[in-house]
Amino acid sequence: MKRLYKSTKVVYDAHLKEYQVYYKNWFIWRYDSCYKFDDQTTKYPVHYSSEETAKERAIYRAKSMLNSVEVWRGTQYWRTE
């Protein structure tokens, strides 16, 4: 089985109050997702969570991306219809 991602990282952005998840296959880091948090209120827990929860979710996402593998791949070179 072939792994889909070679390395991942989580970046903390204090200005935007979010944790950003990046992955790298060859030489370029690519953006995957972000987890925003709000330190004043958590009225909207779906979009904003506490800082600890956002950090844990971002790290969990980065770790799970490293375990992503390609299970099967098929191609059809010549179509016989």
PDB file of N, CA and C in Angstrom:
ATOM      1  N   MET A   1       0.840  -1.186   0.000  1.00  0.00           N
ATOM      2  CA  MET A   1       0.000   0.000   0.000  1.00  0.00           C
ATOM      3  C   MET A   1       0.878   1.241   0.000  1.00  0.00           C
ATOM      4  N   LYS A   2       0.491   2.201  -0.772  1.00  0.00           N
ATOM      5  CA  LYS A   2       1.269   3.429  -0.936  1.00  0.00           C
ATOM      6  C   LYS A   2       0.709   4.522  -0.034  1.00  0.00           C
ATOM      7  N   ARG A   3       1.572   5.181   0.718  1.00  0.00           N
ATOM      8  CA  ARG A   3       1.154   6.297   1.561  1.00  0.00           C
ATOM      9  C   ARG A   3       0.891   7.515   0.691  1.00  0.00           C
ATOM     10  N   LEU A   4      -0.153   8.274   1.027  1.00  0.00           N
ATOM     11  CA  LEU A   4      -0.538   9.424   0.207  1.00  0.00           C
ATOM     12  C   LEU A   4       0.231  10.689   0.561  1.00  0.00           C
ATOM     13  N   TYR A   5       0.654  10.824   1.818  1.00  0.00           N
ATOM     14  CA  TYR A   5       1.335  12.042   2.256  1.00  0.00           C
ATOM     15  C   TYR A   5       2.658  11.672   2.915  1.00  0.00           C
ATOM     16  N   LYS A   6       3.720  12.385   2.575  1.00  0.00           N
ATOM     17  CA  LYS A   6       5.046  12.112   3.133  1.00  0.00           C
ATOM     18  C   LYS A   6       5.221  12.747   4.507  1.00  0.00           C
ATOM     19  N   SER A   7       4.751  13.984   4.666  1.00  0.00           N
ATOM     20  CA  SER A   7       4.878  14.655   5.965  1.00  0.00           C
ATOM     21  C   SER A   7       3.769  15.692   6.108  1.00  0.00           C
ATOM     22  N   THR A   8       3.438  15.980   7.366  1.00  0.00           N
ATOM     23  CA  THR A   8       2.400  16.962   7.685  1.00  0.00           C
ATOM     24  C   THR A   8       2.909  17.873   8.791  1.00  0.00           C
ATOM     25  N   LYS A   9       2.255  19.038   8.915  1.00  0.00           N
ATOM     26  CA  LYS A   9       2.607  19.963  10.001  1.00  0.00           C
ATOM     27  C   LYS A   9       1.387  20.776  10.381  1.00  0.00           C
ATOM     28  N   VAL A  10       1.404  21.282  11.608  1.00  0.00           N
ATOM     29  CA  VAL A  10       0.350  22.145  12.130  1.00  0.00           C
ATOM     30  C   VAL A  10       0.978  23.483  12.466  1.00  0.00           C
ATOM     31  N   VAL A  11       0.407  24.561  11.945  1.00  0.00           N
ATOM     32  CA  VAL A  11       0.924  25.913  12.148  1.00  0.00           C
ATOM     33  C   VAL A  11      -0.093  26.714  12.947  1.00  0.00           C
ATOM     34  N   TYR A  12       0.376  27.388  13.990  1.00  0.00           N
ATOM     35  CA  TYR A  12      -0.481  28.238  14.821  1.00  0.00           C
ATOM     36  C   TYR A  12      -0.418  29.667  14.301  1.00  0.00           C
ATOM     37  N   ASP A  13      -1.572  30.250  13.989  1.00  0.00           N
ATOM     38  CA  ASP A  13      -1.653  31.628  13.526  1.00  0.00           C
ATOM     39  C   ASP A  13      -2.356  32.446  14.603  1.00  0.00           C
ATOM     40  N   ALA A  14      -1.597  33.251  15.323  1.00  0.00           N
ATOM     41  CA  ALA A  14      -2.146  34.020  16.440  1.00  0.00           C
ATOM     42  C   ALA A  14      -3.045  35.153  15.961  1.00  0.00           C
ATOM     43  N   HIS A  15      -2.750  35.710  14.812  1.00  0.00           N
ATOM     44  CA  HIS A  15      -3.536  36.838  14.314  1.00  0.00           C
ATOM     45  C   HIS A  15      -4.958  36.394  13.926  1.00  0.00           C
ATOM     46  N   LEU A  16      -5.059  35.277  13.218  1.00  0.00           N
ATOM     47  CA  LEU A  16      -6.364  34.786  12.781  1.00  0.00           C
ATOM     48  C   LEU A  16      -7.022  33.855  13.793  1.00  0.00           C
ATOM     49  N   LYS A  17      -6.307  33.511  14.854  1.00  0.00           N
ATOM     50  CA  LYS A  17      -6.786  32.595  15.895  1.00  0.00           C
ATOM     51  C   LYS A  17      -7.223  31.272  15.288  1.00  0.00           C
ATOM     52  N   GLU A  18      -6.250  30.578  14.671  1.00  0.00           N
ATOM     53  CA  GLU A  18      -6.541  29.292  14.065  1.00  0.00           C
ATOM     54  C   GLU A  18      -5.280  28.440  13.986  1.00  0.00           C
ATOM     55  N   TYR A  19      -5.510  27.139  13.875  1.00  0.00           N
ATOM     56  CA  TYR A  19      -4.446  26.167  13.639  1.00  0.00           C
ATOM     57  C   TYR A  19      -4.610  25.650  12.219  1.00  0.00           C
ATOM     58  N   GLN A  20      -3.558  25.773  11.410  1.00  0.00           N
ATOM     59  CA  GLN A  20      -3.615  25.387  10.005  1.00  0.00           C
ATOM     60  C   GLN A  20      -2.848  24.087   9.802  1.00  0.00           C
ATOM     61  N   VAL A  21      -3.409  23.184   9.007  1.00  0.00           N
ATOM     62  CA  VAL A  21      -2.798  21.893   8.720  1.00  0.00           C
ATOM     63  C   VAL A  21      -2.251  21.916   7.295  1.00  0.00           C
ATOM     64  N   TYR A  22      -0.987  21.533   7.145  1.00  0.00           N
ATOM     65  CA  TYR A  22      -0.323  21.476   5.842  1.00  0.00           C
ATOM     66  C   TYR A  22       0.233  20.075   5.619  1.00  0.00           C
ATOM     67  N   TYR A  23       0.368  19.695   4.358  1.00  0.00           N
ATOM     68  CA  TYR A  23       1.014  18.435   4.012  1.00  0.00           C
ATOM     69  C   TYR A  23       2.034  18.678   2.908  1.00  0.00           C
ATOM     70  N   LYS A  24       3.021  17.780   2.821  1.00  0.00           N
ATOM     71  CA  LYS A  24       4.071  17.900   1.816  1.00  0.00           C
ATOM     72  C   LYS A  24       4.298  16.536   1.193  1.00  0.00           C
ATOM     73  N   ASN A  25       4.259  16.476  -0.134  1.00  0.00           N
ATOM     74  CA  ASN A  25       4.564  15.238  -0.830  1.00  0.00           C
ATOM     75  C   ASN A  25       5.977  15.254  -1.389  1.00  0.00           C
ATOM     76  N   TRP A  26       6.353  16.284  -2.062  1.00  0.00           N
ATOM     77  CA  TRP A  26       7.705  16.360  -2.602  1.00  0.00           C
ATOM     78  C   TRP A  26       8.457  17.540  -2.005  1.00  0.00           C
ATOM     79  N   PHE A  27       8.303  18.722  -2.555  1.00  0.00           N
ATOM     80  CA  PHE A  27       9.072  19.873  -2.103  1.00  0.00           C
ATOM     81  C   PHE A  27       8.212  21.034  -1.639  1.00  0.00           C
ATOM     82  N   ILE A  28       6.911  20.985  -1.886  1.00  0.00           N
ATOM     83  CA  ILE A  28       6.038  22.128  -1.627  1.00  0.00           C
ATOM     84  C   ILE A  28       5.042  21.773  -0.533  1.00  0.00           C
ATOM     85  N   TRP A  29       4.907  22.675   0.451  1.00  0.00           N
ATOM     86  CA  TRP A  29       3.884  22.500   1.487  1.00  0.00           C
ATOM     87  C   TRP A  29       2.561  23.005   0.934  1.00  0.00           C
ATOM     88  N   ARG A  30       1.509  22.207   1.084  1.00  0.00           N
ATOM     89  CA  ARG A  30       0.185  22.560   0.585  1.00  0.00           C
ATOM     90  C   ARG A  30      -0.798  22.645   1.747  1.00  0.00           C
ATOM     91  N   TYR A  31      -1.683  23.613   1.666  1.00  0.00           N
ATOM     92  CA  TYR A  31      -2.685  23.847   2.702  1.00  0.00           C
ATOM     93  C   TYR A  31      -3.779  22.787   2.620  1.00  0.00           C
ATOM     94  N   ASP A  32      -4.177  22.239   3.776  1.00  0.00           N
ATOM     95  CA  ASP A  32      -5.251  21.255   3.819  1.00  0.00           C
ATOM     96  C   ASP A  32      -6.502  21.821   4.483  1.00  0.00           C
ATOM     97  N   SER A  33      -6.389  22.241   5.735  1.00  0.00           N
ATOM     98  CA  SER A  33      -7.562  22.734   6.466  1.00  0.00           C
ATOM     99  C   SER A  33      -7.118  23.592   7.635  1.00  0.00           C
ATOM    100  N   CYS A  34      -8.095  24.242   8.286  1.00  0.00           N
ATOM    101  CA  CYS A  34      -7.785  25.040   9.469  1.00  0.00           C
ATOM    102  C   CYS A  34      -8.860  24.823  10.523  1.00  0.00           C
ATOM    103  N   TYR A  35      -8.475  25.024  11.756  1.00  0.00           N
ATOM    104  CA  TYR A  35      -9.383  24.879  12.896  1.00  0.00           C
ATOM    105  C   TYR A  35      -9.340  26.176  13.688  1.00  0.00           C
ATOM    106  N   LYS A  36     -10.423  26.941  13.612  1.00  0.00           N
ATOM    107  CA  LYS A  36     -10.499  28.234  14.284  1.00  0.00           C
ATOM    108  C   LYS A  36     -10.926  28.069  15.727  1.00  0.00           C
ATOM    109  N   PHE A  37     -10.507  29.011  16.546  1.00  0.00           N
ATOM    110  CA  PHE A  37     -10.935  29.006  17.942  1.00  0.00           C
ATOM    111  C   PHE A  37     -11.243  30.424  18.376  1.00  0.00           C
ATOM    112  N   ASP A  38     -12.013  30.518  19.431  1.00  0.00           N
ATOM    113  CA  ASP A  38     -12.386  31.813  20.000  1.00  0.00           C
ATOM    114  C   ASP A  38     -12.151  31.730  21.490  1.00  0.00           C
ATOM    115  N   ASP A  39     -11.359  32.626  22.024  1.00  0.00           N
ATOM    116  CA  ASP A  39     -11.028  32.561  23.448  1.00  0.00           C
ATOM    117  C   ASP A  39     -12.009  33.332  24.326  1.00  0.00           C
ATOM    118  N   GLN A  40     -12.912  34.101  23.732  1.00  0.00           N
ATOM    119  CA  GLN A  40     -13.833  34.898  24.538  1.00  0.00           C
ATOM    120  C   GLN A  40     -15.143  34.171  24.793  1.00  0.00           C
ATOM    121  N   THR A  41     -15.731  33.602  23.767  1.00  0.00           N
ATOM    122  CA  THR A  41     -17.013  32.920  23.931  1.00  0.00           C
ATOM    123  C   THR A  41     -17.070  31.729  22.990  1.00  0.00           C
ATOM    124  N   THR A  42     -17.822  30.741  23.377  1.00  0.00           N
ATOM    125  CA  THR A  42     -18.012  29.577  22.515  1.00  0.00           C
ATOM    126  C   THR A  42     -19.505  29.399  22.234  1.00  0.00           C
ATOM    127  N   LYS A  43     -20.130  30.464  21.745  1.00  0.00           N
ATOM    128  CA  LYS A  43     -21.551  30.401  21.411  1.00  0.00           C
ATOM    129  C   LYS A  43     -21.796  29.490  20.214  1.00  0.00           C
ATOM    130  N   TYR A  44     -20.835  29.419  19.320  1.00  0.00           N
ATOM    131  CA  TYR A  44     -20.983  28.632  18.103  1.00  0.00           C
ATOM    132  C   TYR A  44     -19.940  27.519  18.087  1.00  0.00           C
ATOM    133  N   PRO A  45     -20.198  26.403  18.768  1.00  0.00           N
ATOM    134  CA  PRO A  45     -19.170  25.361  18.886  1.00  0.00           C
ATOM    135  C   PRO A  45     -18.877  24.624  17.583  1.00  0.00           C
ATOM    136  N   VAL A  46     -19.745  24.739  16.573  1.00  0.00           N
ATOM    137  CA  VAL A  46     -19.474  24.068  15.310  1.00  0.00           C
ATOM    138  C   VAL A  46     -18.366  24.793  14.556  1.00  0.00           C
ATOM    139  N   HIS A  47     -18.400  26.110  14.546  1.00  0.00           N
ATOM    140  CA  HIS A  47     -17.420  26.886  13.802  1.00  0.00           C
ATOM    141  C   HIS A  47     -16.231  27.294  14.664  1.00  0.00           C
ATOM    142  N   TYR A  48     -16.468  27.636  15.908  1.00  0.00           N
ATOM    143  CA  TYR A  48     -15.403  28.069  16.793  1.00  0.00           C
ATOM    144  C   TYR A  48     -15.402  27.175  18.031  1.00  0.00           C
ATOM    145  N   SER A  49     -14.244  26.790  18.462  1.00  0.00           N
ATOM    146  CA  SER A  49     -14.118  25.971  19.665  1.00  0.00           C
ATOM    147  C   SER A  49     -13.070  26.614  20.569  1.00  0.00           C
ATOM    148  N   SER A  50     -12.789  25.979  21.680  1.00  0.00           N
ATOM    149  CA  SER A  50     -11.747  26.512  22.557  1.00  0.00           C
ATOM    150  C   SER A  50     -10.384  26.257  21.913  1.00  0.00           C
ATOM    151  N   GLU A  51      -9.372  26.928  22.398  1.00  0.00           N
ATOM    152  CA  GLU A  51      -8.040  26.808  21.806  1.00  0.00           C
ATOM    153  C   GLU A  51      -7.486  25.392  21.952  1.00  0.00           C
ATOM    154  N   GLU A  52      -7.721  24.773  23.099  1.00  0.00           N
ATOM    155  CA  GLU A  52      -7.217  23.417  23.316  1.00  0.00           C
ATOM    156  C   GLU A  52      -7.880  22.414  22.376  1.00  0.00           C
ATOM    157  N   THR A  53      -9.187  22.560  22.189  1.00  0.00           N
ATOM    158  CA  THR A  53      -9.916  21.653  21.304  1.00  0.00           C
ATOM    159  C   THR A  53      -9.476  21.828  19.859  1.00  0.00           C
ATOM    160  N   ALA A  54      -9.296  23.075  19.427  1.00  0.00           N
ATOM    161  CA  ALA A  54      -8.853  23.329  18.056  1.00  0.00           C
ATOM    162  C   ALA A  54      -7.465  22.754  17.820  1.00  0.00           C
ATOM    163  N   LYS A  55      -6.591  22.883  18.805  1.00  0.00           N
ATOM    164  CA  LYS A  55      -5.231  22.348  18.676  1.00  0.00           C
ATOM    165  C   LYS A  55      -5.258  20.824  18.592  1.00  0.00           C
ATOM    166  N   GLU A  56      -6.058  20.185  19.438  1.00  0.00           N
ATOM    167  CA  GLU A  56      -6.150  18.724  19.421  1.00  0.00           C
ATOM    168  C   GLU A  56      -6.730  18.216  18.103  1.00  0.00           C
ATOM    169  N   ARG A  57      -7.752  18.898  17.585  1.00  0.00           N
ATOM    170  CA  ARG A  57      -8.359  18.491  16.323  1.00  0.00           C
ATOM    171  C   ARG A  57      -7.389  18.639  15.160  1.00  0.00           C
ATOM    172  N   ALA A  58      -6.591  19.720  15.150  1.00  0.00           N
ATOM    173  CA  ALA A  58      -5.617  19.928  14.079  1.00  0.00           C
ATOM    174  C   ALA A  58      -4.520  18.873  14.124  1.00  0.00           C
ATOM    175  N   ILE A  59      -4.030  18.541  15.311  1.00  0.00           N
ATOM    176  CA  ILE A  59      -2.993  17.516  15.441  1.00  0.00           C
ATOM    177  C   ILE A  59      -3.543  16.152  15.052  1.00  0.00           C
ATOM    178  N   TYR A  60      -4.771  15.861  15.449  1.00  0.00           N
ATOM    179  CA  TYR A  60      -5.393  14.589  15.072  1.00  0.00           C
ATOM    180  C   TYR A  60      -5.527  14.476  13.556  1.00  0.00           C
ATOM    181  N   ARG A  61      -5.923  15.562  12.897  1.00  0.00           N
ATOM    182  CA  ARG A  61      -6.053  15.566  11.435  1.00  0.00           C
ATOM    183  C   ARG A  61      -4.698  15.337  10.774  1.00  0.00           C
ATOM    184  N   ALA A  62      -3.648  15.997  11.275  1.00  0.00           N
ATOM    185  CA  ALA A  62      -2.315  15.841  10.696  1.00  0.00           C
ATOM    186  C   ALA A  62      -1.809  14.405  10.871  1.00  0.00           C
ATOM    187  N   LYS A  63      -2.042  13.814  12.038  1.00  0.00           N
ATOM    188  CA  LYS A  63      -1.602  12.436  12.274  1.00  0.00           C
ATOM    189  C   LYS A  63      -2.386  11.447  11.407  1.00  0.00           C
ATOM    190  N   SER A  64      -3.677  11.678  11.254  1.00  0.00           N
ATOM    191  CA  SER A  64      -4.470  10.756  10.449  1.00  0.00           C
ATOM    192  C   SER A  64      -4.117  10.859   8.966  1.00  0.00           C
ATOM    193  N   MET A  65      -3.662  12.015   8.513  1.00  0.00           N
ATOM    194  CA  MET A  65      -3.227  12.143   7.127  1.00  0.00           C
ATOM    195  C   MET A  65      -1.987  11.304   6.855  1.00  0.00           C
ATOM    196  N   LEU A  66      -1.111  11.157   7.861  1.00  0.00           N
ATOM    197  CA  LEU A  66       0.081  10.332   7.674  1.00  0.00           C
ATOM    198  C   LEU A  66      -0.261   8.857   7.539  1.00  0.00           C
ATOM    199  N   ASN A  67      -1.400   8.441   8.085  1.00  0.00           N
ATOM    200  CA  ASN A  67      -1.820   7.049   7.997  1.00  0.00           C
ATOM    201  C   ASN A  67      -2.702   6.767   6.790  1.00  0.00           C
ATOM    202  N   SER A  68      -2.956   7.775   5.958  1.00  0.00           N
ATOM    203  CA  SER A  68      -3.791   7.585   4.770  1.00  0.00           C
ATOM    204  C   SER A  68      -2.998   6.831   3.708  1.00  0.00           C
ATOM    205  N   VAL A  69      -3.579   5.743   3.210  1.00  0.00           N
ATOM    206  CA  VAL A  69      -2.907   4.935   2.194  1.00  0.00           C
ATOM    207  C   VAL A  69      -3.849   4.683   1.031  1.00  0.00           C
ATOM    208  N   GLU A  70      -3.249   4.430  -0.107  1.00  0.00           N
ATOM    209  CA  GLU A  70      -4.010   4.076  -1.294  1.00  0.00           C
ATOM    210  C   GLU A  70      -4.195   2.559  -1.282  1.00  0.00           C
ATOM    211  N   VAL A  71      -5.428   2.101  -1.251  1.00  0.00           N
ATOM    212  CA  VAL A  71      -5.712   0.676  -1.134  1.00  0.00           C
ATOM    213  C   VAL A  71      -5.770   0.005  -2.501  1.00  0.00           C
ATOM    214  N   TRP A  72      -6.374   0.670  -3.471  1.00  0.00           N
ATOM    215  CA  TRP A  72      -6.528   0.064  -4.789  1.00  0.00           C
ATOM    216  C   TRP A  72      -6.511   1.145  -5.853  1.00  0.00           C
ATOM    217  N   ARG A  73      -5.919   0.820  -6.992  1.00  0.00           N
ATOM    218  CA  ARG A  73      -5.923   1.731  -8.138  1.00  0.00           C
ATOM    219  C   ARG A  73      -6.125   0.906  -9.394  1.00  0.00           C
ATOM    220  N   GLY A  74      -6.988   1.357 -10.250  1.00  0.00           N
ATOM    221  CA  GLY A  74      -7.234   0.650 -11.496  1.00  0.00           C
ATOM    222  C   GLY A  74      -7.250   1.610 -12.669  1.00  0.00           C
ATOM    223  N   THR A  75      -6.765   1.150 -13.792  1.00  0.00           N
ATOM    224  CA  THR A  75      -6.807   1.941 -15.020  1.00  0.00           C
ATOM    225  C   THR A  75      -7.340   1.065 -16.130  1.00  0.00           C
ATOM    226  N   GLN A  76      -7.896   1.701 -17.114  1.00  0.00           N
ATOM    227  CA  GLN A  76      -8.424   0.994 -18.264  1.00  0.00           C
ATOM    228  C   GLN A  76      -7.783   1.615 -19.499  1.00  0.00           C
ATOM    229  N   TYR A  77      -6.741   0.945 -20.005  1.00  0.00           N
ATOM    230  CA  TYR A  77      -5.995   1.493 -21.141  1.00  0.00           C
ATOM    231  C   TYR A  77      -6.775   1.378 -22.452  1.00  0.00           C
ATOM    232  N   TRP A  78      -7.296   0.183 -22.715  1.00  0.00           N
ATOM    233  CA  TRP A  78      -8.035  -0.025 -23.952  1.00  0.00           C
ATOM    234  C   TRP A  78      -9.473  -0.366 -23.611  1.00  0.00           C
ATOM    235  N   ARG A  79     -10.337   0.402 -24.124  1.00  0.00           N
ATOM    236  CA  ARG A  79     -11.760   0.172 -23.875  1.00  0.00           C
ATOM    237  C   ARG A  79     -12.316  -0.709 -24.988  1.00  0.00           C
ATOM    238  N   THR A  80     -12.948  -1.818 -24.615  1.00  0.00           N
ATOM    239  CA  THR A  80     -13.492  -2.729 -25.611  1.00  0.00           C
ATOM    240  C   THR A  80     -15.002  -2.759 -25.503  1.00  0.00           C
ATOM    241  N   GLU A  81     -15.641  -1.828 -26.132  1.00  0.00           N
ATOM    242  CA  GLU A  81     -17.104  -1.774 -26.125  1.00  0.00           C
ATOM    243  C   GLU A  81     -17.623  -1.781 -27.539  1.00  0.00           C
TER     244      GLU A  81
END
